[in-house]
């Protein structure tokens, strides 16, 4: 659909589930559009990034509904973090991606959501401030706060989420030593383009279901832990643009699914471990020093392994 949403939409007093996603909505959504939606529980409205739908209600507006699911992508809800959303006490899934929010989110809002929330997506905004340091999210499956202005230490949140994305923010300090026990079911971790420092915790190796680990462009230092024998599902590692030292862990060679290993722009030394020839995928490696690459490539070819290698 390539039009505006009519005000008469707000007269659907029996409406419970409204799915208006993947259209080309434009115009304004006002209080009149939601005047009688007292039974509404599920609403999803998405439009194209170049065709904004403006959510224009007064800051203190109190909606007639109690939502459990809200999904607004490319809808201008900001610049303030709306009060009408803060008063929703039954939310299980929230997605406000590219919503024009440049405000600070009250810390107690995360606390109110923590017991029931399953999906929390607030990426591609300009949200500021710090996150609560300690929280438990027993039902959380995915967290995406990427491309904002969050700052402060990495949040020590206990959760069963399979995906966490905090990339492109201003988080600083070190990663928790016990991160492996805090997020035991983690499959994808995206922390690139922050200000994190310290060493990569050895408990990261305990994440048996980990598939993607992205730590690019931080301030991590020290040697990498050599304990990656349990992470059988891990296929993508990006730790480039840090100040890591020491040698490449030989235990990376136990990662049969490994196909991307990016370690360039660090201070690593030594040879590329021959154990990497055990990786059965079409492995792509980015490291410094061309001579090491060619020496390793020769080993692979002698063993019949046609892995792709890039020297950067």
C-alpha atoms as a PDB file:
ATOM      1  CA  UNK A   1       0.000   0.000   0.000  1.00  0.00           C
ATOM      2  CA  UNK A   2       1.258   3.435  -0.950  1.00  0.00           C
ATOM      3  CA  UNK A   3      -0.844   5.878   1.003  1.00  0.00           C
ATOM      4  CA  UNK A   4      -1.772   7.247   4.423  1.00  0.00           C
ATOM      5  CA  UNK A   5      -3.646   5.341   7.124  1.00  0.00           C
ATOM      6  CA  UNK A   6      -7.171   6.828   7.461  1.00  0.00           C
ATOM      7  CA  UNK A   7      -8.419   8.217  10.772  1.00  0.00           C
ATOM      8  CA  UNK A   8     -11.367   5.832  10.607  1.00  0.00           C
ATOM      9  CA  UNK A   9      -8.886   3.124  11.556  1.00  0.00           C
ATOM     10  CA  UNK A  10      -9.305   4.432  15.103  1.00  0.00           C
ATOM     11  CA  UNK A  11     -12.981   3.424  15.129  1.00  0.00           C
ATOM     12  CA  UNK A  12     -12.249  -0.322  15.044  1.00  0.00           C
ATOM     13  CA  UNK A  13     -13.173  -0.880  18.667  1.00  0.00           C
ATOM     14  CA  UNK A  14     -13.005  -4.703  18.438  1.00  0.00           C
ATOM     15  CA  UNK A  15      -9.554  -4.783  16.828  1.00  0.00           C
ATOM     16  CA  UNK A  16      -7.017  -6.959  18.653  1.00  0.00           C
ATOM     17  CA  UNK A  17      -4.346  -7.718  16.027  1.00  0.00           C
ATOM     18  CA  UNK A  18      -3.208  -5.151  13.421  1.00  0.00           C
ATOM     19  CA  UNK A  19      -0.484  -6.125  10.968  1.00  0.00           C
ATOM     20  CA  UNK A  20       0.328  -3.314   8.527  1.00  0.00           C
ATOM     21  CA  UNK A  21       3.973  -4.154   7.901  1.00  0.00           C
ATOM     22  CA  UNK A  22       6.019  -3.977   4.679  1.00  0.00           C
ATOM     23  CA  UNK A  23       4.084  -1.231   2.965  1.00  0.00           C
ATOM     24  CA  UNK A  24       4.944   2.285   1.802  1.00  0.00           C
ATOM     25  CA  UNK A  25       3.041   4.259   4.412  1.00  0.00           C
ATOM     26  CA  UNK A  26       3.385   8.030   4.606  1.00  0.00           C
ATOM     27  CA  UNK A  27       1.650  10.828   6.478  1.00  0.00           C
ATOM     28  CA  UNK A  28       0.745  11.145  10.144  1.00  0.00           C
ATOM     29  CA  UNK A  29      -0.659   8.873  12.842  1.00  0.00           C
ATOM     30  CA  UNK A  30      -2.520  10.961  15.419  1.00  0.00           C
ATOM     31  CA  UNK A  31      -4.501  10.250  18.576  1.00  0.00           C
ATOM     32  CA  UNK A  32      -7.618  10.062  16.396  1.00  0.00           C
ATOM     33  CA  UNK A  33      -6.152   7.018  14.635  1.00  0.00           C
ATOM     34  CA  UNK A  34      -6.212   5.168  17.972  1.00  0.00           C
ATOM     35  CA  UNK A  35      -9.190   6.714  19.678  1.00  0.00           C
ATOM     36  CA  UNK A  36     -11.255   3.547  20.260  1.00  0.00           C
ATOM     37  CA  UNK A  37      -8.619   0.802  20.006  1.00  0.00           C
ATOM     38  CA  UNK A  38      -9.171  -0.307  23.585  1.00  0.00           C
ATOM     39  CA  UNK A  39      -8.738  -4.017  22.789  1.00  0.00           C
ATOM     40  CA  UNK A  40      -5.603  -3.680  20.684  1.00  0.00           C
ATOM     41  CA  UNK A  41      -2.782  -5.985  21.830  1.00  0.00           C
ATOM     42  CA  UNK A  42      -0.637  -6.536  18.747  1.00  0.00           C
ATOM     43  CA  UNK A  43       0.384  -3.833  16.281  1.00  0.00           C
ATOM     44  CA  UNK A  44       3.067  -3.820  13.617  1.00  0.00           C
ATOM     45  CA  UNK A  45       3.543  -0.955  11.164  1.00  0.00           C
ATOM     46  CA  UNK A  46       6.612  -0.746   8.956  1.00  0.00           C
ATOM     47  CA  UNK A  47       7.346   1.423   5.982  1.00  0.00           C
ATOM     48  CA  UNK A  48      10.294   2.062   3.703  1.00  0.00           C
ATOM     49  CA  UNK A  49      13.295   3.993   5.144  1.00  0.00           C
ATOM     50  CA  UNK A  50      12.711   6.834   2.657  1.00  0.00           C
ATOM     51  CA  UNK A  51       8.961   7.142   3.363  1.00  0.00           C
ATOM     52  CA  UNK A  52       8.507   8.077   6.984  1.00  0.00           C
ATOM     53  CA  UNK A  53       5.264   7.684   8.861  1.00  0.00           C
ATOM     54  CA  UNK A  54       5.112  10.275  11.658  1.00  0.00           C
ATOM     55  CA  UNK A  55       3.633   9.279  15.010  1.00  0.00           C
ATOM     56  CA  UNK A  56       2.222  12.619  16.180  1.00  0.00           C
ATOM     57  CA  UNK A  57       0.638  12.516  19.643  1.00  0.00           C
ATOM     58  CA  UNK A  58       1.104  14.714  22.695  1.00  0.00           C
ATOM     59  CA  UNK A  59       3.859  13.645  25.064  1.00  0.00           C
ATOM     60  CA  UNK A  60       1.440  12.992  27.952  1.00  0.00           C
ATOM     61  CA  UNK A  61      -1.135  11.142  25.849  1.00  0.00           C
ATOM     62  CA  UNK A  62      -2.423   8.018  27.589  1.00  0.00           C
ATOM     63  CA  UNK A  63      -3.530   5.389  25.038  1.00  0.00           C
ATOM     64  CA  UNK A  64      -6.696   3.294  25.481  1.00  0.00           C
ATOM     65  CA  UNK A  65      -4.858   0.009  24.801  1.00  0.00           C
ATOM     66  CA  UNK A  66      -2.475  -2.297  26.660  1.00  0.00           C
ATOM     67  CA  UNK A  67      -0.081  -3.683  24.104  1.00  0.00           C
ATOM     68  CA  UNK A  68       1.787  -6.959  24.254  1.00  0.00           C
ATOM     69  CA  UNK A  69       3.541  -6.602  20.891  1.00  0.00           C
ATOM     70  CA  UNK A  70       4.643  -3.410  19.139  1.00  0.00           C
ATOM     71  CA  UNK A  71       6.723  -3.282  15.965  1.00  0.00           C
ATOM     72  CA  UNK A  72       7.269   0.153  14.386  1.00  0.00           C
ATOM     73  CA  UNK A  73      10.106   0.311  11.830  1.00  0.00           C
ATOM     74  CA  UNK A  74      10.915   3.587  10.041  1.00  0.00           C
ATOM     75  CA  UNK A  75       8.082   5.292  11.912  1.00  0.00           C
ATOM     76  CA  UNK A  76       9.056   8.611  13.498  1.00  0.00           C
ATOM     77  CA  UNK A  77       8.109   8.104  17.133  1.00  0.00           C
ATOM     78  CA  UNK A  78      10.826  10.424  18.546  1.00  0.00           C
ATOM     79  CA  UNK A  79      12.642  12.559  19.328  1.00  0.00           C
ATOM     80  CA  UNK A  80      11.481  11.890  22.890  1.00  0.00           C
ATOM     81  CA  UNK A  81      11.084   8.412  24.312  1.00  0.00           C
ATOM     82  CA  UNK A  82       7.269   8.375  24.411  1.00  0.00           C
ATOM     83  CA  UNK A  83       5.410   8.318  27.695  1.00  0.00           C
ATOM     84  CA  UNK A  84       2.607   6.273  26.104  1.00  0.00           C
ATOM     85  CA  UNK A  85       5.123   3.473  25.622  1.00  0.00           C
ATOM     86  CA  UNK A  86       6.484   3.761  29.150  1.00  0.00           C
ATOM     87  CA  UNK A  87       3.051   3.113  30.642  1.00  0.00           C
ATOM     88  CA  UNK A  88       2.607  -0.149  28.722  1.00  0.00           C
ATOM     89  CA  UNK A  89       2.994  -2.764  31.462  1.00  0.00           C
ATOM     90  CA  UNK A  90       2.348  -6.003  29.500  1.00  0.00           C
ATOM     91  CA  UNK A  91       4.864  -5.691  26.666  1.00  0.00           C
ATOM     92  CA  UNK A  92       6.469  -8.947  25.538  1.00  0.00           C
ATOM     93  CA  UNK A  93       8.003  -7.744  22.251  1.00  0.00           C
ATOM     94  CA  UNK A  94       9.204  -4.241  21.327  1.00  0.00           C
ATOM     95  CA  UNK A  95      10.781  -3.147  18.041  1.00  0.00           C
ATOM     96  CA  UNK A  96      11.334   0.557  17.378  1.00  0.00           C
ATOM     97  CA  UNK A  97      14.023   0.428  14.719  1.00  0.00           C
ATOM     98  CA  UNK A  98      14.965   3.728  13.068  1.00  0.00           C
ATOM     99  CA  UNK A  99      12.276   5.578  15.015  1.00  0.00           C
ATOM    100  CA  UNK A 100      14.032   8.941  15.371  1.00  0.00           C
ATOM    101  CA  UNK A 101      14.457   8.676  19.160  1.00  0.00           C
ATOM    102  CA  UNK A 102      17.320  10.788  20.542  1.00  0.00           C
ATOM    103  CA  UNK A 103      16.252  10.837  24.174  1.00  0.00           C
ATOM    104  CA  UNK A 104      17.477   9.071  27.313  1.00  0.00           C
ATOM    105  CA  UNK A 105      15.474   5.986  28.315  1.00  0.00           C
ATOM    106  CA  UNK A 106      14.561   5.830  32.016  1.00  0.00           C
ATOM    107  CA  UNK A 107      16.502   3.021  33.683  1.00  0.00           C
ATOM    108  CA  UNK A 108      13.415   1.696  35.445  1.00  0.00           C
ATOM    109  CA  UNK A 109      11.758   1.028  32.065  1.00  0.00           C
ATOM    110  CA  UNK A 110      14.190  -1.829  31.429  1.00  0.00           C
ATOM    111  CA  UNK A 111      13.527  -3.114  34.944  1.00  0.00           C
ATOM    112  CA  UNK A 112       9.764  -3.111  34.378  1.00  0.00           C
ATOM    113  CA  UNK A 113      10.155  -5.094  31.166  1.00  0.00           C
ATOM    114  CA  UNK A 114      12.761  -7.565  32.359  1.00  0.00           C
ATOM    115  CA  UNK A 115      10.450 -10.325  33.619  1.00  0.00           C
ATOM    116  CA  UNK A 116       8.295 -10.763  30.469  1.00  0.00           C
ATOM    117  CA  UNK A 117      10.130  -9.273  27.475  1.00  0.00           C
ATOM    118  CA  UNK A 118      11.185 -11.700  24.715  1.00  0.00           C
ATOM    119  CA  UNK A 119      12.356  -9.328  21.940  1.00  0.00           C
ATOM    120  CA  UNK A 120      13.781  -5.837  22.504  1.00  0.00           C
ATOM    121  CA  UNK A 121      14.893  -4.004  19.343  1.00  0.00           C
ATOM    122  CA  UNK A 122      15.798  -0.295  19.574  1.00  0.00           C
ATOM    123  CA  UNK A 123      18.505  -0.112  16.916  1.00  0.00           C
ATOM    124  CA  UNK A 124      19.341   2.737  14.530  1.00  0.00           C
ATOM    125  CA  UNK A 125      18.275   5.579  16.770  1.00  0.00           C
ATOM    126  CA  UNK A 126      20.306   8.104  18.777  1.00  0.00           C
ATOM    127  CA  UNK A 127      19.292   6.959  22.239  1.00  0.00           C
ATOM    128  CA  UNK A 128      21.624   8.191  24.968  1.00  0.00           C
ATOM    129  CA  UNK A 129      22.494   7.304  28.544  1.00  0.00           C
ATOM    130  CA  UNK A 130      23.585   4.270  30.508  1.00  0.00           C
ATOM    131  CA  UNK A 131      21.886   0.899  30.864  1.00  0.00           C
ATOM    132  CA  UNK A 132      21.099  -0.640  34.256  1.00  0.00           C
ATOM    133  CA  UNK A 133      24.198  -2.598  35.236  1.00  0.00           C
ATOM    134  CA  UNK A 134      22.585  -5.716  36.742  1.00  0.00           C
ATOM    135  CA  UNK A 135      19.305  -7.207  35.465  1.00  0.00           C
ATOM    136  CA  UNK A 136      17.783 -10.606  34.749  1.00  0.00           C
ATOM    137  CA  UNK A 137      15.829 -11.281  31.562  1.00  0.00           C
ATOM    138  CA  UNK A 138      14.664 -14.898  31.875  1.00  0.00           C
ATOM    139  CA  UNK A 139      12.532 -14.894  28.691  1.00  0.00           C
ATOM    140  CA  UNK A 140      14.631 -12.672  26.422  1.00  0.00           C
ATOM    141  CA  UNK A 141      15.520 -14.215  23.038  1.00  0.00           C
ATOM    142  CA  UNK A 142      16.967 -11.257  21.126  1.00  0.00           C
ATOM    143  CA  UNK A 143      18.375  -7.873  22.163  1.00  0.00           C
ATOM    144  CA  UNK A 144      19.391  -5.260  19.581  1.00  0.00           C
ATOM    145  CA  UNK A 145      20.437  -1.829  20.815  1.00  0.00           C
ATOM    146  CA  UNK A 146      22.924  -1.248  18.013  1.00  0.00           C
ATOM    147  CA  UNK A 147      23.695   2.110  16.381  1.00  0.00           C
ATOM    148  CA  UNK A 148      22.798   4.372  19.286  1.00  0.00           C
ATOM    149  CA  UNK A 149      24.721   6.475  21.807  1.00  0.00           C
ATOM    150  CA  UNK A 150      24.549   4.201  24.850  1.00  0.00           C
ATOM    151  CA  UNK A 151      27.567   4.572  27.112  1.00  0.00           C
ATOM    152  CA  UNK A 152      28.989   3.216  30.343  1.00  0.00           C
ATOM    153  CA  UNK A 153      30.115  -0.298  31.221  1.00  0.00           C
ATOM    154  CA  UNK A 154      29.000  -3.414  29.425  1.00  0.00           C
ATOM    155  CA  UNK A 155      25.659  -4.429  31.050  1.00  0.00           C
ATOM    156  CA  UNK A 156      25.966  -7.502  33.260  1.00  0.00           C
ATOM    157  CA  UNK A 157      22.592  -8.959  32.290  1.00  0.00           C
ATOM    158  CA  UNK A 158      21.672 -12.558  32.925  1.00  0.00           C
ATOM    159  CA  UNK A 159      19.622 -13.864  30.018  1.00  0.00           C
ATOM    160  CA  UNK A 160      18.921 -16.855  27.789  1.00  0.00           C
ATOM    161  CA  UNK A 161      18.991 -14.696  24.658  1.00  0.00           C
ATOM    162  CA  UNK A 162      20.414 -16.275  21.508  1.00  0.00           C
ATOM    163  CA  UNK A 163      21.366 -12.932  19.923  1.00  0.00           C
ATOM    164  CA  UNK A 164      22.783  -9.757  21.493  1.00  0.00           C
ATOM    165  CA  UNK A 165      23.746  -6.741  19.398  1.00  0.00           C
ATOM    166  CA  UNK A 166      25.239  -3.690  21.113  1.00  0.00           C
ATOM    167  CA  UNK A 167      27.466  -2.632  18.232  1.00  0.00           C
ATOM    168  CA  UNK A 168      28.139   0.972  17.209  1.00  0.00           C
ATOM    169  CA  UNK A 169      27.687   2.540  20.642  1.00  0.00           C
ATOM    170  CA  UNK A 170      29.955   4.045  23.306  1.00  0.00           C
ATOM    171  CA  UNK A 171      30.234   1.158  25.778  1.00  0.00           C
ATOM    172  CA  UNK A 172      33.519   1.080  27.671  1.00  0.00           C
ATOM    173  CA  UNK A 173      35.331  -1.036  30.235  1.00  0.00           C
ATOM    174  CA  UNK A 174      35.994  -4.754  30.115  1.00  0.00           C
ATOM    175  CA  UNK A 175      33.748  -7.676  29.307  1.00  0.00           C
ATOM    176  CA  UNK A 176      32.554  -9.689  32.338  1.00  0.00           C
ATOM    177  CA  UNK A 177      34.836 -12.592  33.205  1.00  0.00           C
ATOM    178  CA  UNK A 178      31.772 -14.804  33.657  1.00  0.00           C
ATOM    179  CA  UNK A 179      30.071 -13.835  30.383  1.00  0.00           C
ATOM    180  CA  UNK A 180      29.819 -17.522  29.466  1.00  0.00           C
ATOM    181  CA  UNK A 181      27.524 -18.210  32.427  1.00  0.00           C
ATOM    182  CA  UNK A 182      25.562 -14.961  32.100  1.00  0.00           C
ATOM    183  CA  UNK A 183      24.411 -15.755  28.536  1.00  0.00           C
ATOM    184  CA  UNK A 184      24.678 -19.563  28.276  1.00  0.00           C
ATOM    185  CA  UNK A 185      22.491 -19.913  25.150  1.00  0.00           C
ATOM    186  CA  UNK A 186      24.112 -17.143  23.148  1.00  0.00           C
ATOM    187  CA  UNK A 187      24.560 -17.826  19.422  1.00  0.00           C
ATOM    188  CA  UNK A 188      25.412 -14.388  17.999  1.00  0.00           C
ATOM    189  CA  UNK A 189      27.250 -11.584  19.802  1.00  0.00           C
ATOM    190  CA  UNK A 190      27.836  -8.238  18.054  1.00  0.00           C
ATOM    191  CA  UNK A 191      29.928  -5.732  20.047  1.00  0.00           C
ATOM    192  CA  UNK A 192      31.916  -4.018  17.283  1.00  0.00           C
ATOM    193  CA  UNK A 193      32.624  -0.272  17.181  1.00  0.00           C
ATOM    194  CA  UNK A 194      32.581   0.458  20.887  1.00  0.00           C
ATOM    195  CA  UNK A 195      35.271   1.436  23.409  1.00  0.00           C
ATOM    196  CA  UNK A 196      35.596  -1.874  25.208  1.00  0.00           C
ATOM    197  CA  UNK A 197      39.013  -2.707  26.645  1.00  0.00           C
ATOM    198  CA  UNK A 198      40.613  -5.514  28.630  1.00  0.00           C
ATOM    199  CA  UNK A 199      41.092  -9.109  27.551  1.00  0.00           C
ATOM    200  CA  UNK A 200      38.721 -11.475  25.786  1.00  0.00           C
ATOM    201  CA  UNK A 201      37.334 -13.567  28.694  1.00  0.00           C
ATOM    202  CA  UNK A 202      38.188 -17.254  28.635  1.00  0.00           C
ATOM    203  CA  UNK A 203      34.590 -18.031  29.649  1.00  0.00           C
ATOM    204  CA  UNK A 204      33.642 -17.038  26.086  1.00  0.00           C
ATOM    205  CA  UNK A 205      34.885 -20.503  25.137  1.00  0.00           C
ATOM    206  CA  UNK A 206      32.111 -22.057  27.253  1.00  0.00           C
ATOM    207  CA  UNK A 207      29.410 -20.878  24.844  1.00  0.00           C
ATOM    208  CA  UNK A 208      28.867 -24.156  23.020  1.00  0.00           C
ATOM    209  CA  UNK A 209      26.159 -22.728  20.718  1.00  0.00           C
ATOM    210  CA  UNK A 210      28.092 -19.602  19.710  1.00  0.00           C
ATOM    211  CA  UNK A 211      28.042 -19.033  15.946  1.00  0.00           C
ATOM    212  CA  UNK A 212      29.194 -15.442  15.426  1.00  0.00           C
ATOM    213  CA  UNK A 213      31.552 -13.385  17.601  1.00  0.00           C
ATOM    214  CA  UNK A 214      32.095  -9.798  16.428  1.00  0.00           C
ATOM    215  CA  UNK A 215      34.440  -7.629  18.530  1.00  0.00           C
ATOM    216  CA  UNK A 216      35.877  -5.437  15.755  1.00  0.00           C
ATOM    217  CA  UNK A 217      37.142  -1.893  16.430  1.00  0.00           C
ATOM    218  CA  UNK A 218      37.404  -1.799  20.205  1.00  0.00           C
ATOM    219  CA  UNK A 219      40.403  -1.421  22.510  1.00  0.00           C
ATOM    220  CA  UNK A 220      40.833  -5.056  23.503  1.00  0.00           C
ATOM    221  CA  UNK A 221      44.366  -6.126  24.377  1.00  0.00           C
ATOM    222  CA  UNK A 222      46.346  -9.102  25.630  1.00  0.00           C
ATOM    223  CA  UNK A 223      46.497 -12.649  24.343  1.00  0.00           C
ATOM    224  CA  UNK A 224      43.498 -14.521  23.032  1.00  0.00           C
ATOM    225  CA  UNK A 225      42.345 -17.484  25.152  1.00  0.00           C
ATOM    226  CA  UNK A 226      43.309 -20.858  23.702  1.00  0.00           C
ATOM    227  CA  UNK A 227      40.270 -22.857  24.744  1.00  0.00           C
ATOM    228  CA  UNK A 228      37.887 -22.907  21.773  1.00  0.00           C
ATOM    229  CA  UNK A 229      37.301 -26.663  21.695  1.00  0.00           C
ATOM    230  CA  UNK A 230      33.643 -26.496  22.812  1.00  0.00           C
ATOM    231  CA  UNK A 231      32.397 -23.906  20.301  1.00  0.00           C
ATOM    232  CA  UNK A 232      31.655 -26.387  17.538  1.00  0.00           C
ATOM    233  CA  UNK A 233      29.049 -24.123  15.895  1.00  0.00           C
ATOM    234  CA  UNK A 234      31.301 -21.042  15.668  1.00  0.00           C
ATOM    235  CA  UNK A 235      31.717 -20.038  12.002  1.00  0.00           C
ATOM    236  CA  UNK A 236      32.482 -16.286  12.151  1.00  0.00           C
ATOM    237  CA  UNK A 237      35.071 -14.464  14.288  1.00  0.00           C
ATOM    238  CA  UNK A 238      35.931 -10.784  13.824  1.00  0.00           C
ATOM    239  CA  UNK A 239      38.425  -9.313  16.292  1.00  0.00           C
ATOM    240  CA  UNK A 240      40.126  -6.935  13.871  1.00  0.00           C
ATOM    241  CA  UNK A 241      41.152  -3.369  14.747  1.00  0.00           C
ATOM    242  CA  UNK A 242      42.111  -3.957  18.381  1.00  0.00           C
ATOM    243  CA  UNK A 243      45.510  -4.217  20.128  1.00  0.00           C
ATOM    244  CA  UNK A 244      45.597  -7.979  20.707  1.00  0.00           C
ATOM    245  CA  UNK A 245      49.009  -9.575  21.193  1.00  0.00           C
ATOM    246  CA  UNK A 246      50.484 -13.067  21.220  1.00  0.00           C
ATOM    247  CA  UNK A 247      49.839 -15.805  18.713  1.00  0.00           C
ATOM    248  CA  UNK A 248      46.693 -17.050  16.993  1.00  0.00           C
ATOM    249  CA  UNK A 249      45.189 -19.798  19.217  1.00  0.00           C
ATOM    250  CA  UNK A 250      45.743 -23.280  17.855  1.00  0.00           C
ATOM    251  CA  UNK A 251      42.340 -24.288  19.266  1.00  0.00           C
ATOM    252  CA  UNK A 252      40.708 -22.280  16.457  1.00  0.00           C
ATOM    253  CA  UNK A 253      41.562 -25.346  14.410  1.00  0.00           C
ATOM    254  CA  UNK A 254      38.977 -27.366  16.355  1.00  0.00           C
ATOM    255  CA  UNK A 255      36.215 -25.160  14.953  1.00  0.00           C
ATOM    256  CA  UNK A 256      35.143 -27.311  12.033  1.00  0.00           C
ATOM    257  CA  UNK A 257      32.544 -24.770  10.872  1.00  0.00           C
ATOM    258  CA  UNK A 258      34.897 -21.772  10.934  1.00  0.00           C
ATOM    259  CA  UNK A 259      34.699 -19.904   7.619  1.00  0.00           C
ATOM    260  CA  UNK A 260      35.560 -16.297   8.570  1.00  0.00           C
ATOM    261  CA  UNK A 261      38.498 -15.362  10.823  1.00  0.00           C
ATOM    262  CA  UNK A 262      39.347 -11.638  10.838  1.00  0.00           C
ATOM    263  CA  UNK A 263      42.325 -10.660  13.009  1.00  0.00           C
ATOM    264  CA  UNK A 264      43.938  -7.860  10.990  1.00  0.00           C
ATOM    265  CA  UNK A 265      45.109  -4.590  12.549  1.00  0.00           C
ATOM    266  CA  UNK A 266      46.291  -6.111  15.829  1.00  0.00           C
ATOM    267  CA  UNK A 267      49.745  -6.818  17.250  1.00  0.00           C
ATOM    268  CA  UNK A 268      49.706 -10.589  16.817  1.00  0.00           C
ATOM    269  CA  UNK A 269      52.913 -12.476  16.136  1.00  0.00           C
ATOM    270  CA  UNK A 270      54.038 -16.001  15.349  1.00  0.00           C
ATOM    271  CA  UNK A 271      52.817 -18.241  12.571  1.00  0.00           C
ATOM    272  CA  UNK A 272      49.301 -19.062  11.490  1.00  0.00           C
ATOM    273  CA  UNK A 273      48.636 -22.378  13.263  1.00  0.00           C
ATOM    274  CA  UNK A 274      48.601 -25.398  11.003  1.00  0.00           C
ATOM    275  CA  UNK A 275      45.586 -26.693  12.956  1.00  0.00           C
ATOM    276  CA  UNK A 276      43.411 -24.322  10.876  1.00  0.00           C
ATOM    277  CA  UNK A 277      43.661 -26.784   8.008  1.00  0.00           C
ATOM    278  CA  UNK A 278      41.164 -28.868  10.012  1.00  0.00           C
ATOM    279  CA  UNK A 279      38.458 -26.289   9.314  1.00  0.00           C
ATOM    280  CA  UNK A 280      36.320 -27.954   6.672  1.00  0.00           C
ATOM    281  CA  UNK A 281      34.619 -24.780   5.431  1.00  0.00           C
ATOM    282  CA  UNK A 282      35.939 -22.397   2.782  1.00  0.00           C
ATOM    283  CA  UNK A 283      37.946 -20.499   5.369  1.00  0.00           C
ATOM    284  CA  UNK A 284      38.697 -16.798   4.822  1.00  0.00           C
ATOM    285  CA  UNK A 285      41.409 -15.316   7.055  1.00  0.00           C
ATOM    286  CA  UNK A 286      42.471 -11.678   7.271  1.00  0.00           C
ATOM    287  CA  UNK A 287      45.758 -11.041   9.071  1.00  0.00           C
ATOM    288  CA  UNK A 288      48.908  -8.987   8.623  1.00  0.00           C
ATOM    289  CA  UNK A 289      52.192 -10.121   7.111  1.00  0.00           C
ATOM    290  CA  UNK A 290      51.996 -11.617   3.643  1.00  0.00           C
ATOM    291  CA  UNK A 291      54.892 -14.049   4.237  1.00  0.00           C
ATOM    292  CA  UNK A 292      52.925 -15.889   6.930  1.00  0.00           C
ATOM    293  CA  UNK A 293      49.908 -16.130   4.649  1.00  0.00           C
ATOM    294  CA  UNK A 294      51.875 -17.706   1.809  1.00  0.00           C
ATOM    295  CA  UNK A 295      53.609 -20.148   4.145  1.00  0.00           C
ATOM    296  CA  UNK A 296      50.251 -21.229   5.555  1.00  0.00           C
ATOM    297  CA  UNK A 297      48.656 -21.393   2.097  1.00  0.00           C
ATOM    298  CA  UNK A 298      51.402 -23.742   0.950  1.00  0.00           C
ATOM    299  CA  UNK A 299      50.656 -26.058   3.889  1.00  0.00           C
ATOM    300  CA  UNK A 300      46.966 -26.090   2.993  1.00  0.00           C
ATOM    301  CA  UNK A 301      47.542 -26.819  -0.662  1.00  0.00           C
ATOM    302  CA  UNK A 302      49.909 -29.647   0.197  1.00  0.00           C
ATOM    303  CA  UNK A 303      47.055 -31.174   2.207  1.00  0.00           C
ATOM    304  CA  UNK A 304      44.455 -30.681  -0.472  1.00  0.00           C
ATOM    305  CA  UNK A 305      42.639 -27.848   1.373  1.00  0.00           C
ATOM    306  CA  UNK A 306      41.548 -25.025  -0.954  1.00  0.00           C
ATOM    307  CA  UNK A 307      40.654 -22.468   1.722  1.00  0.00           C
ATOM    308  CA  UNK A 308      40.541 -18.824   0.641  1.00  0.00           C
ATOM    309  CA  UNK A 309      42.991 -16.520   2.407  1.00  0.00           C
ATOM    310  CA  UNK A 310      43.145 -12.727   2.256  1.00  0.00           C
ATOM    311  CA  UNK A 311      46.125 -10.752   3.540  1.00  0.00           C
ATOM    312  CA  UNK A 312      45.276  -7.264   4.791  1.00  0.00           C
END
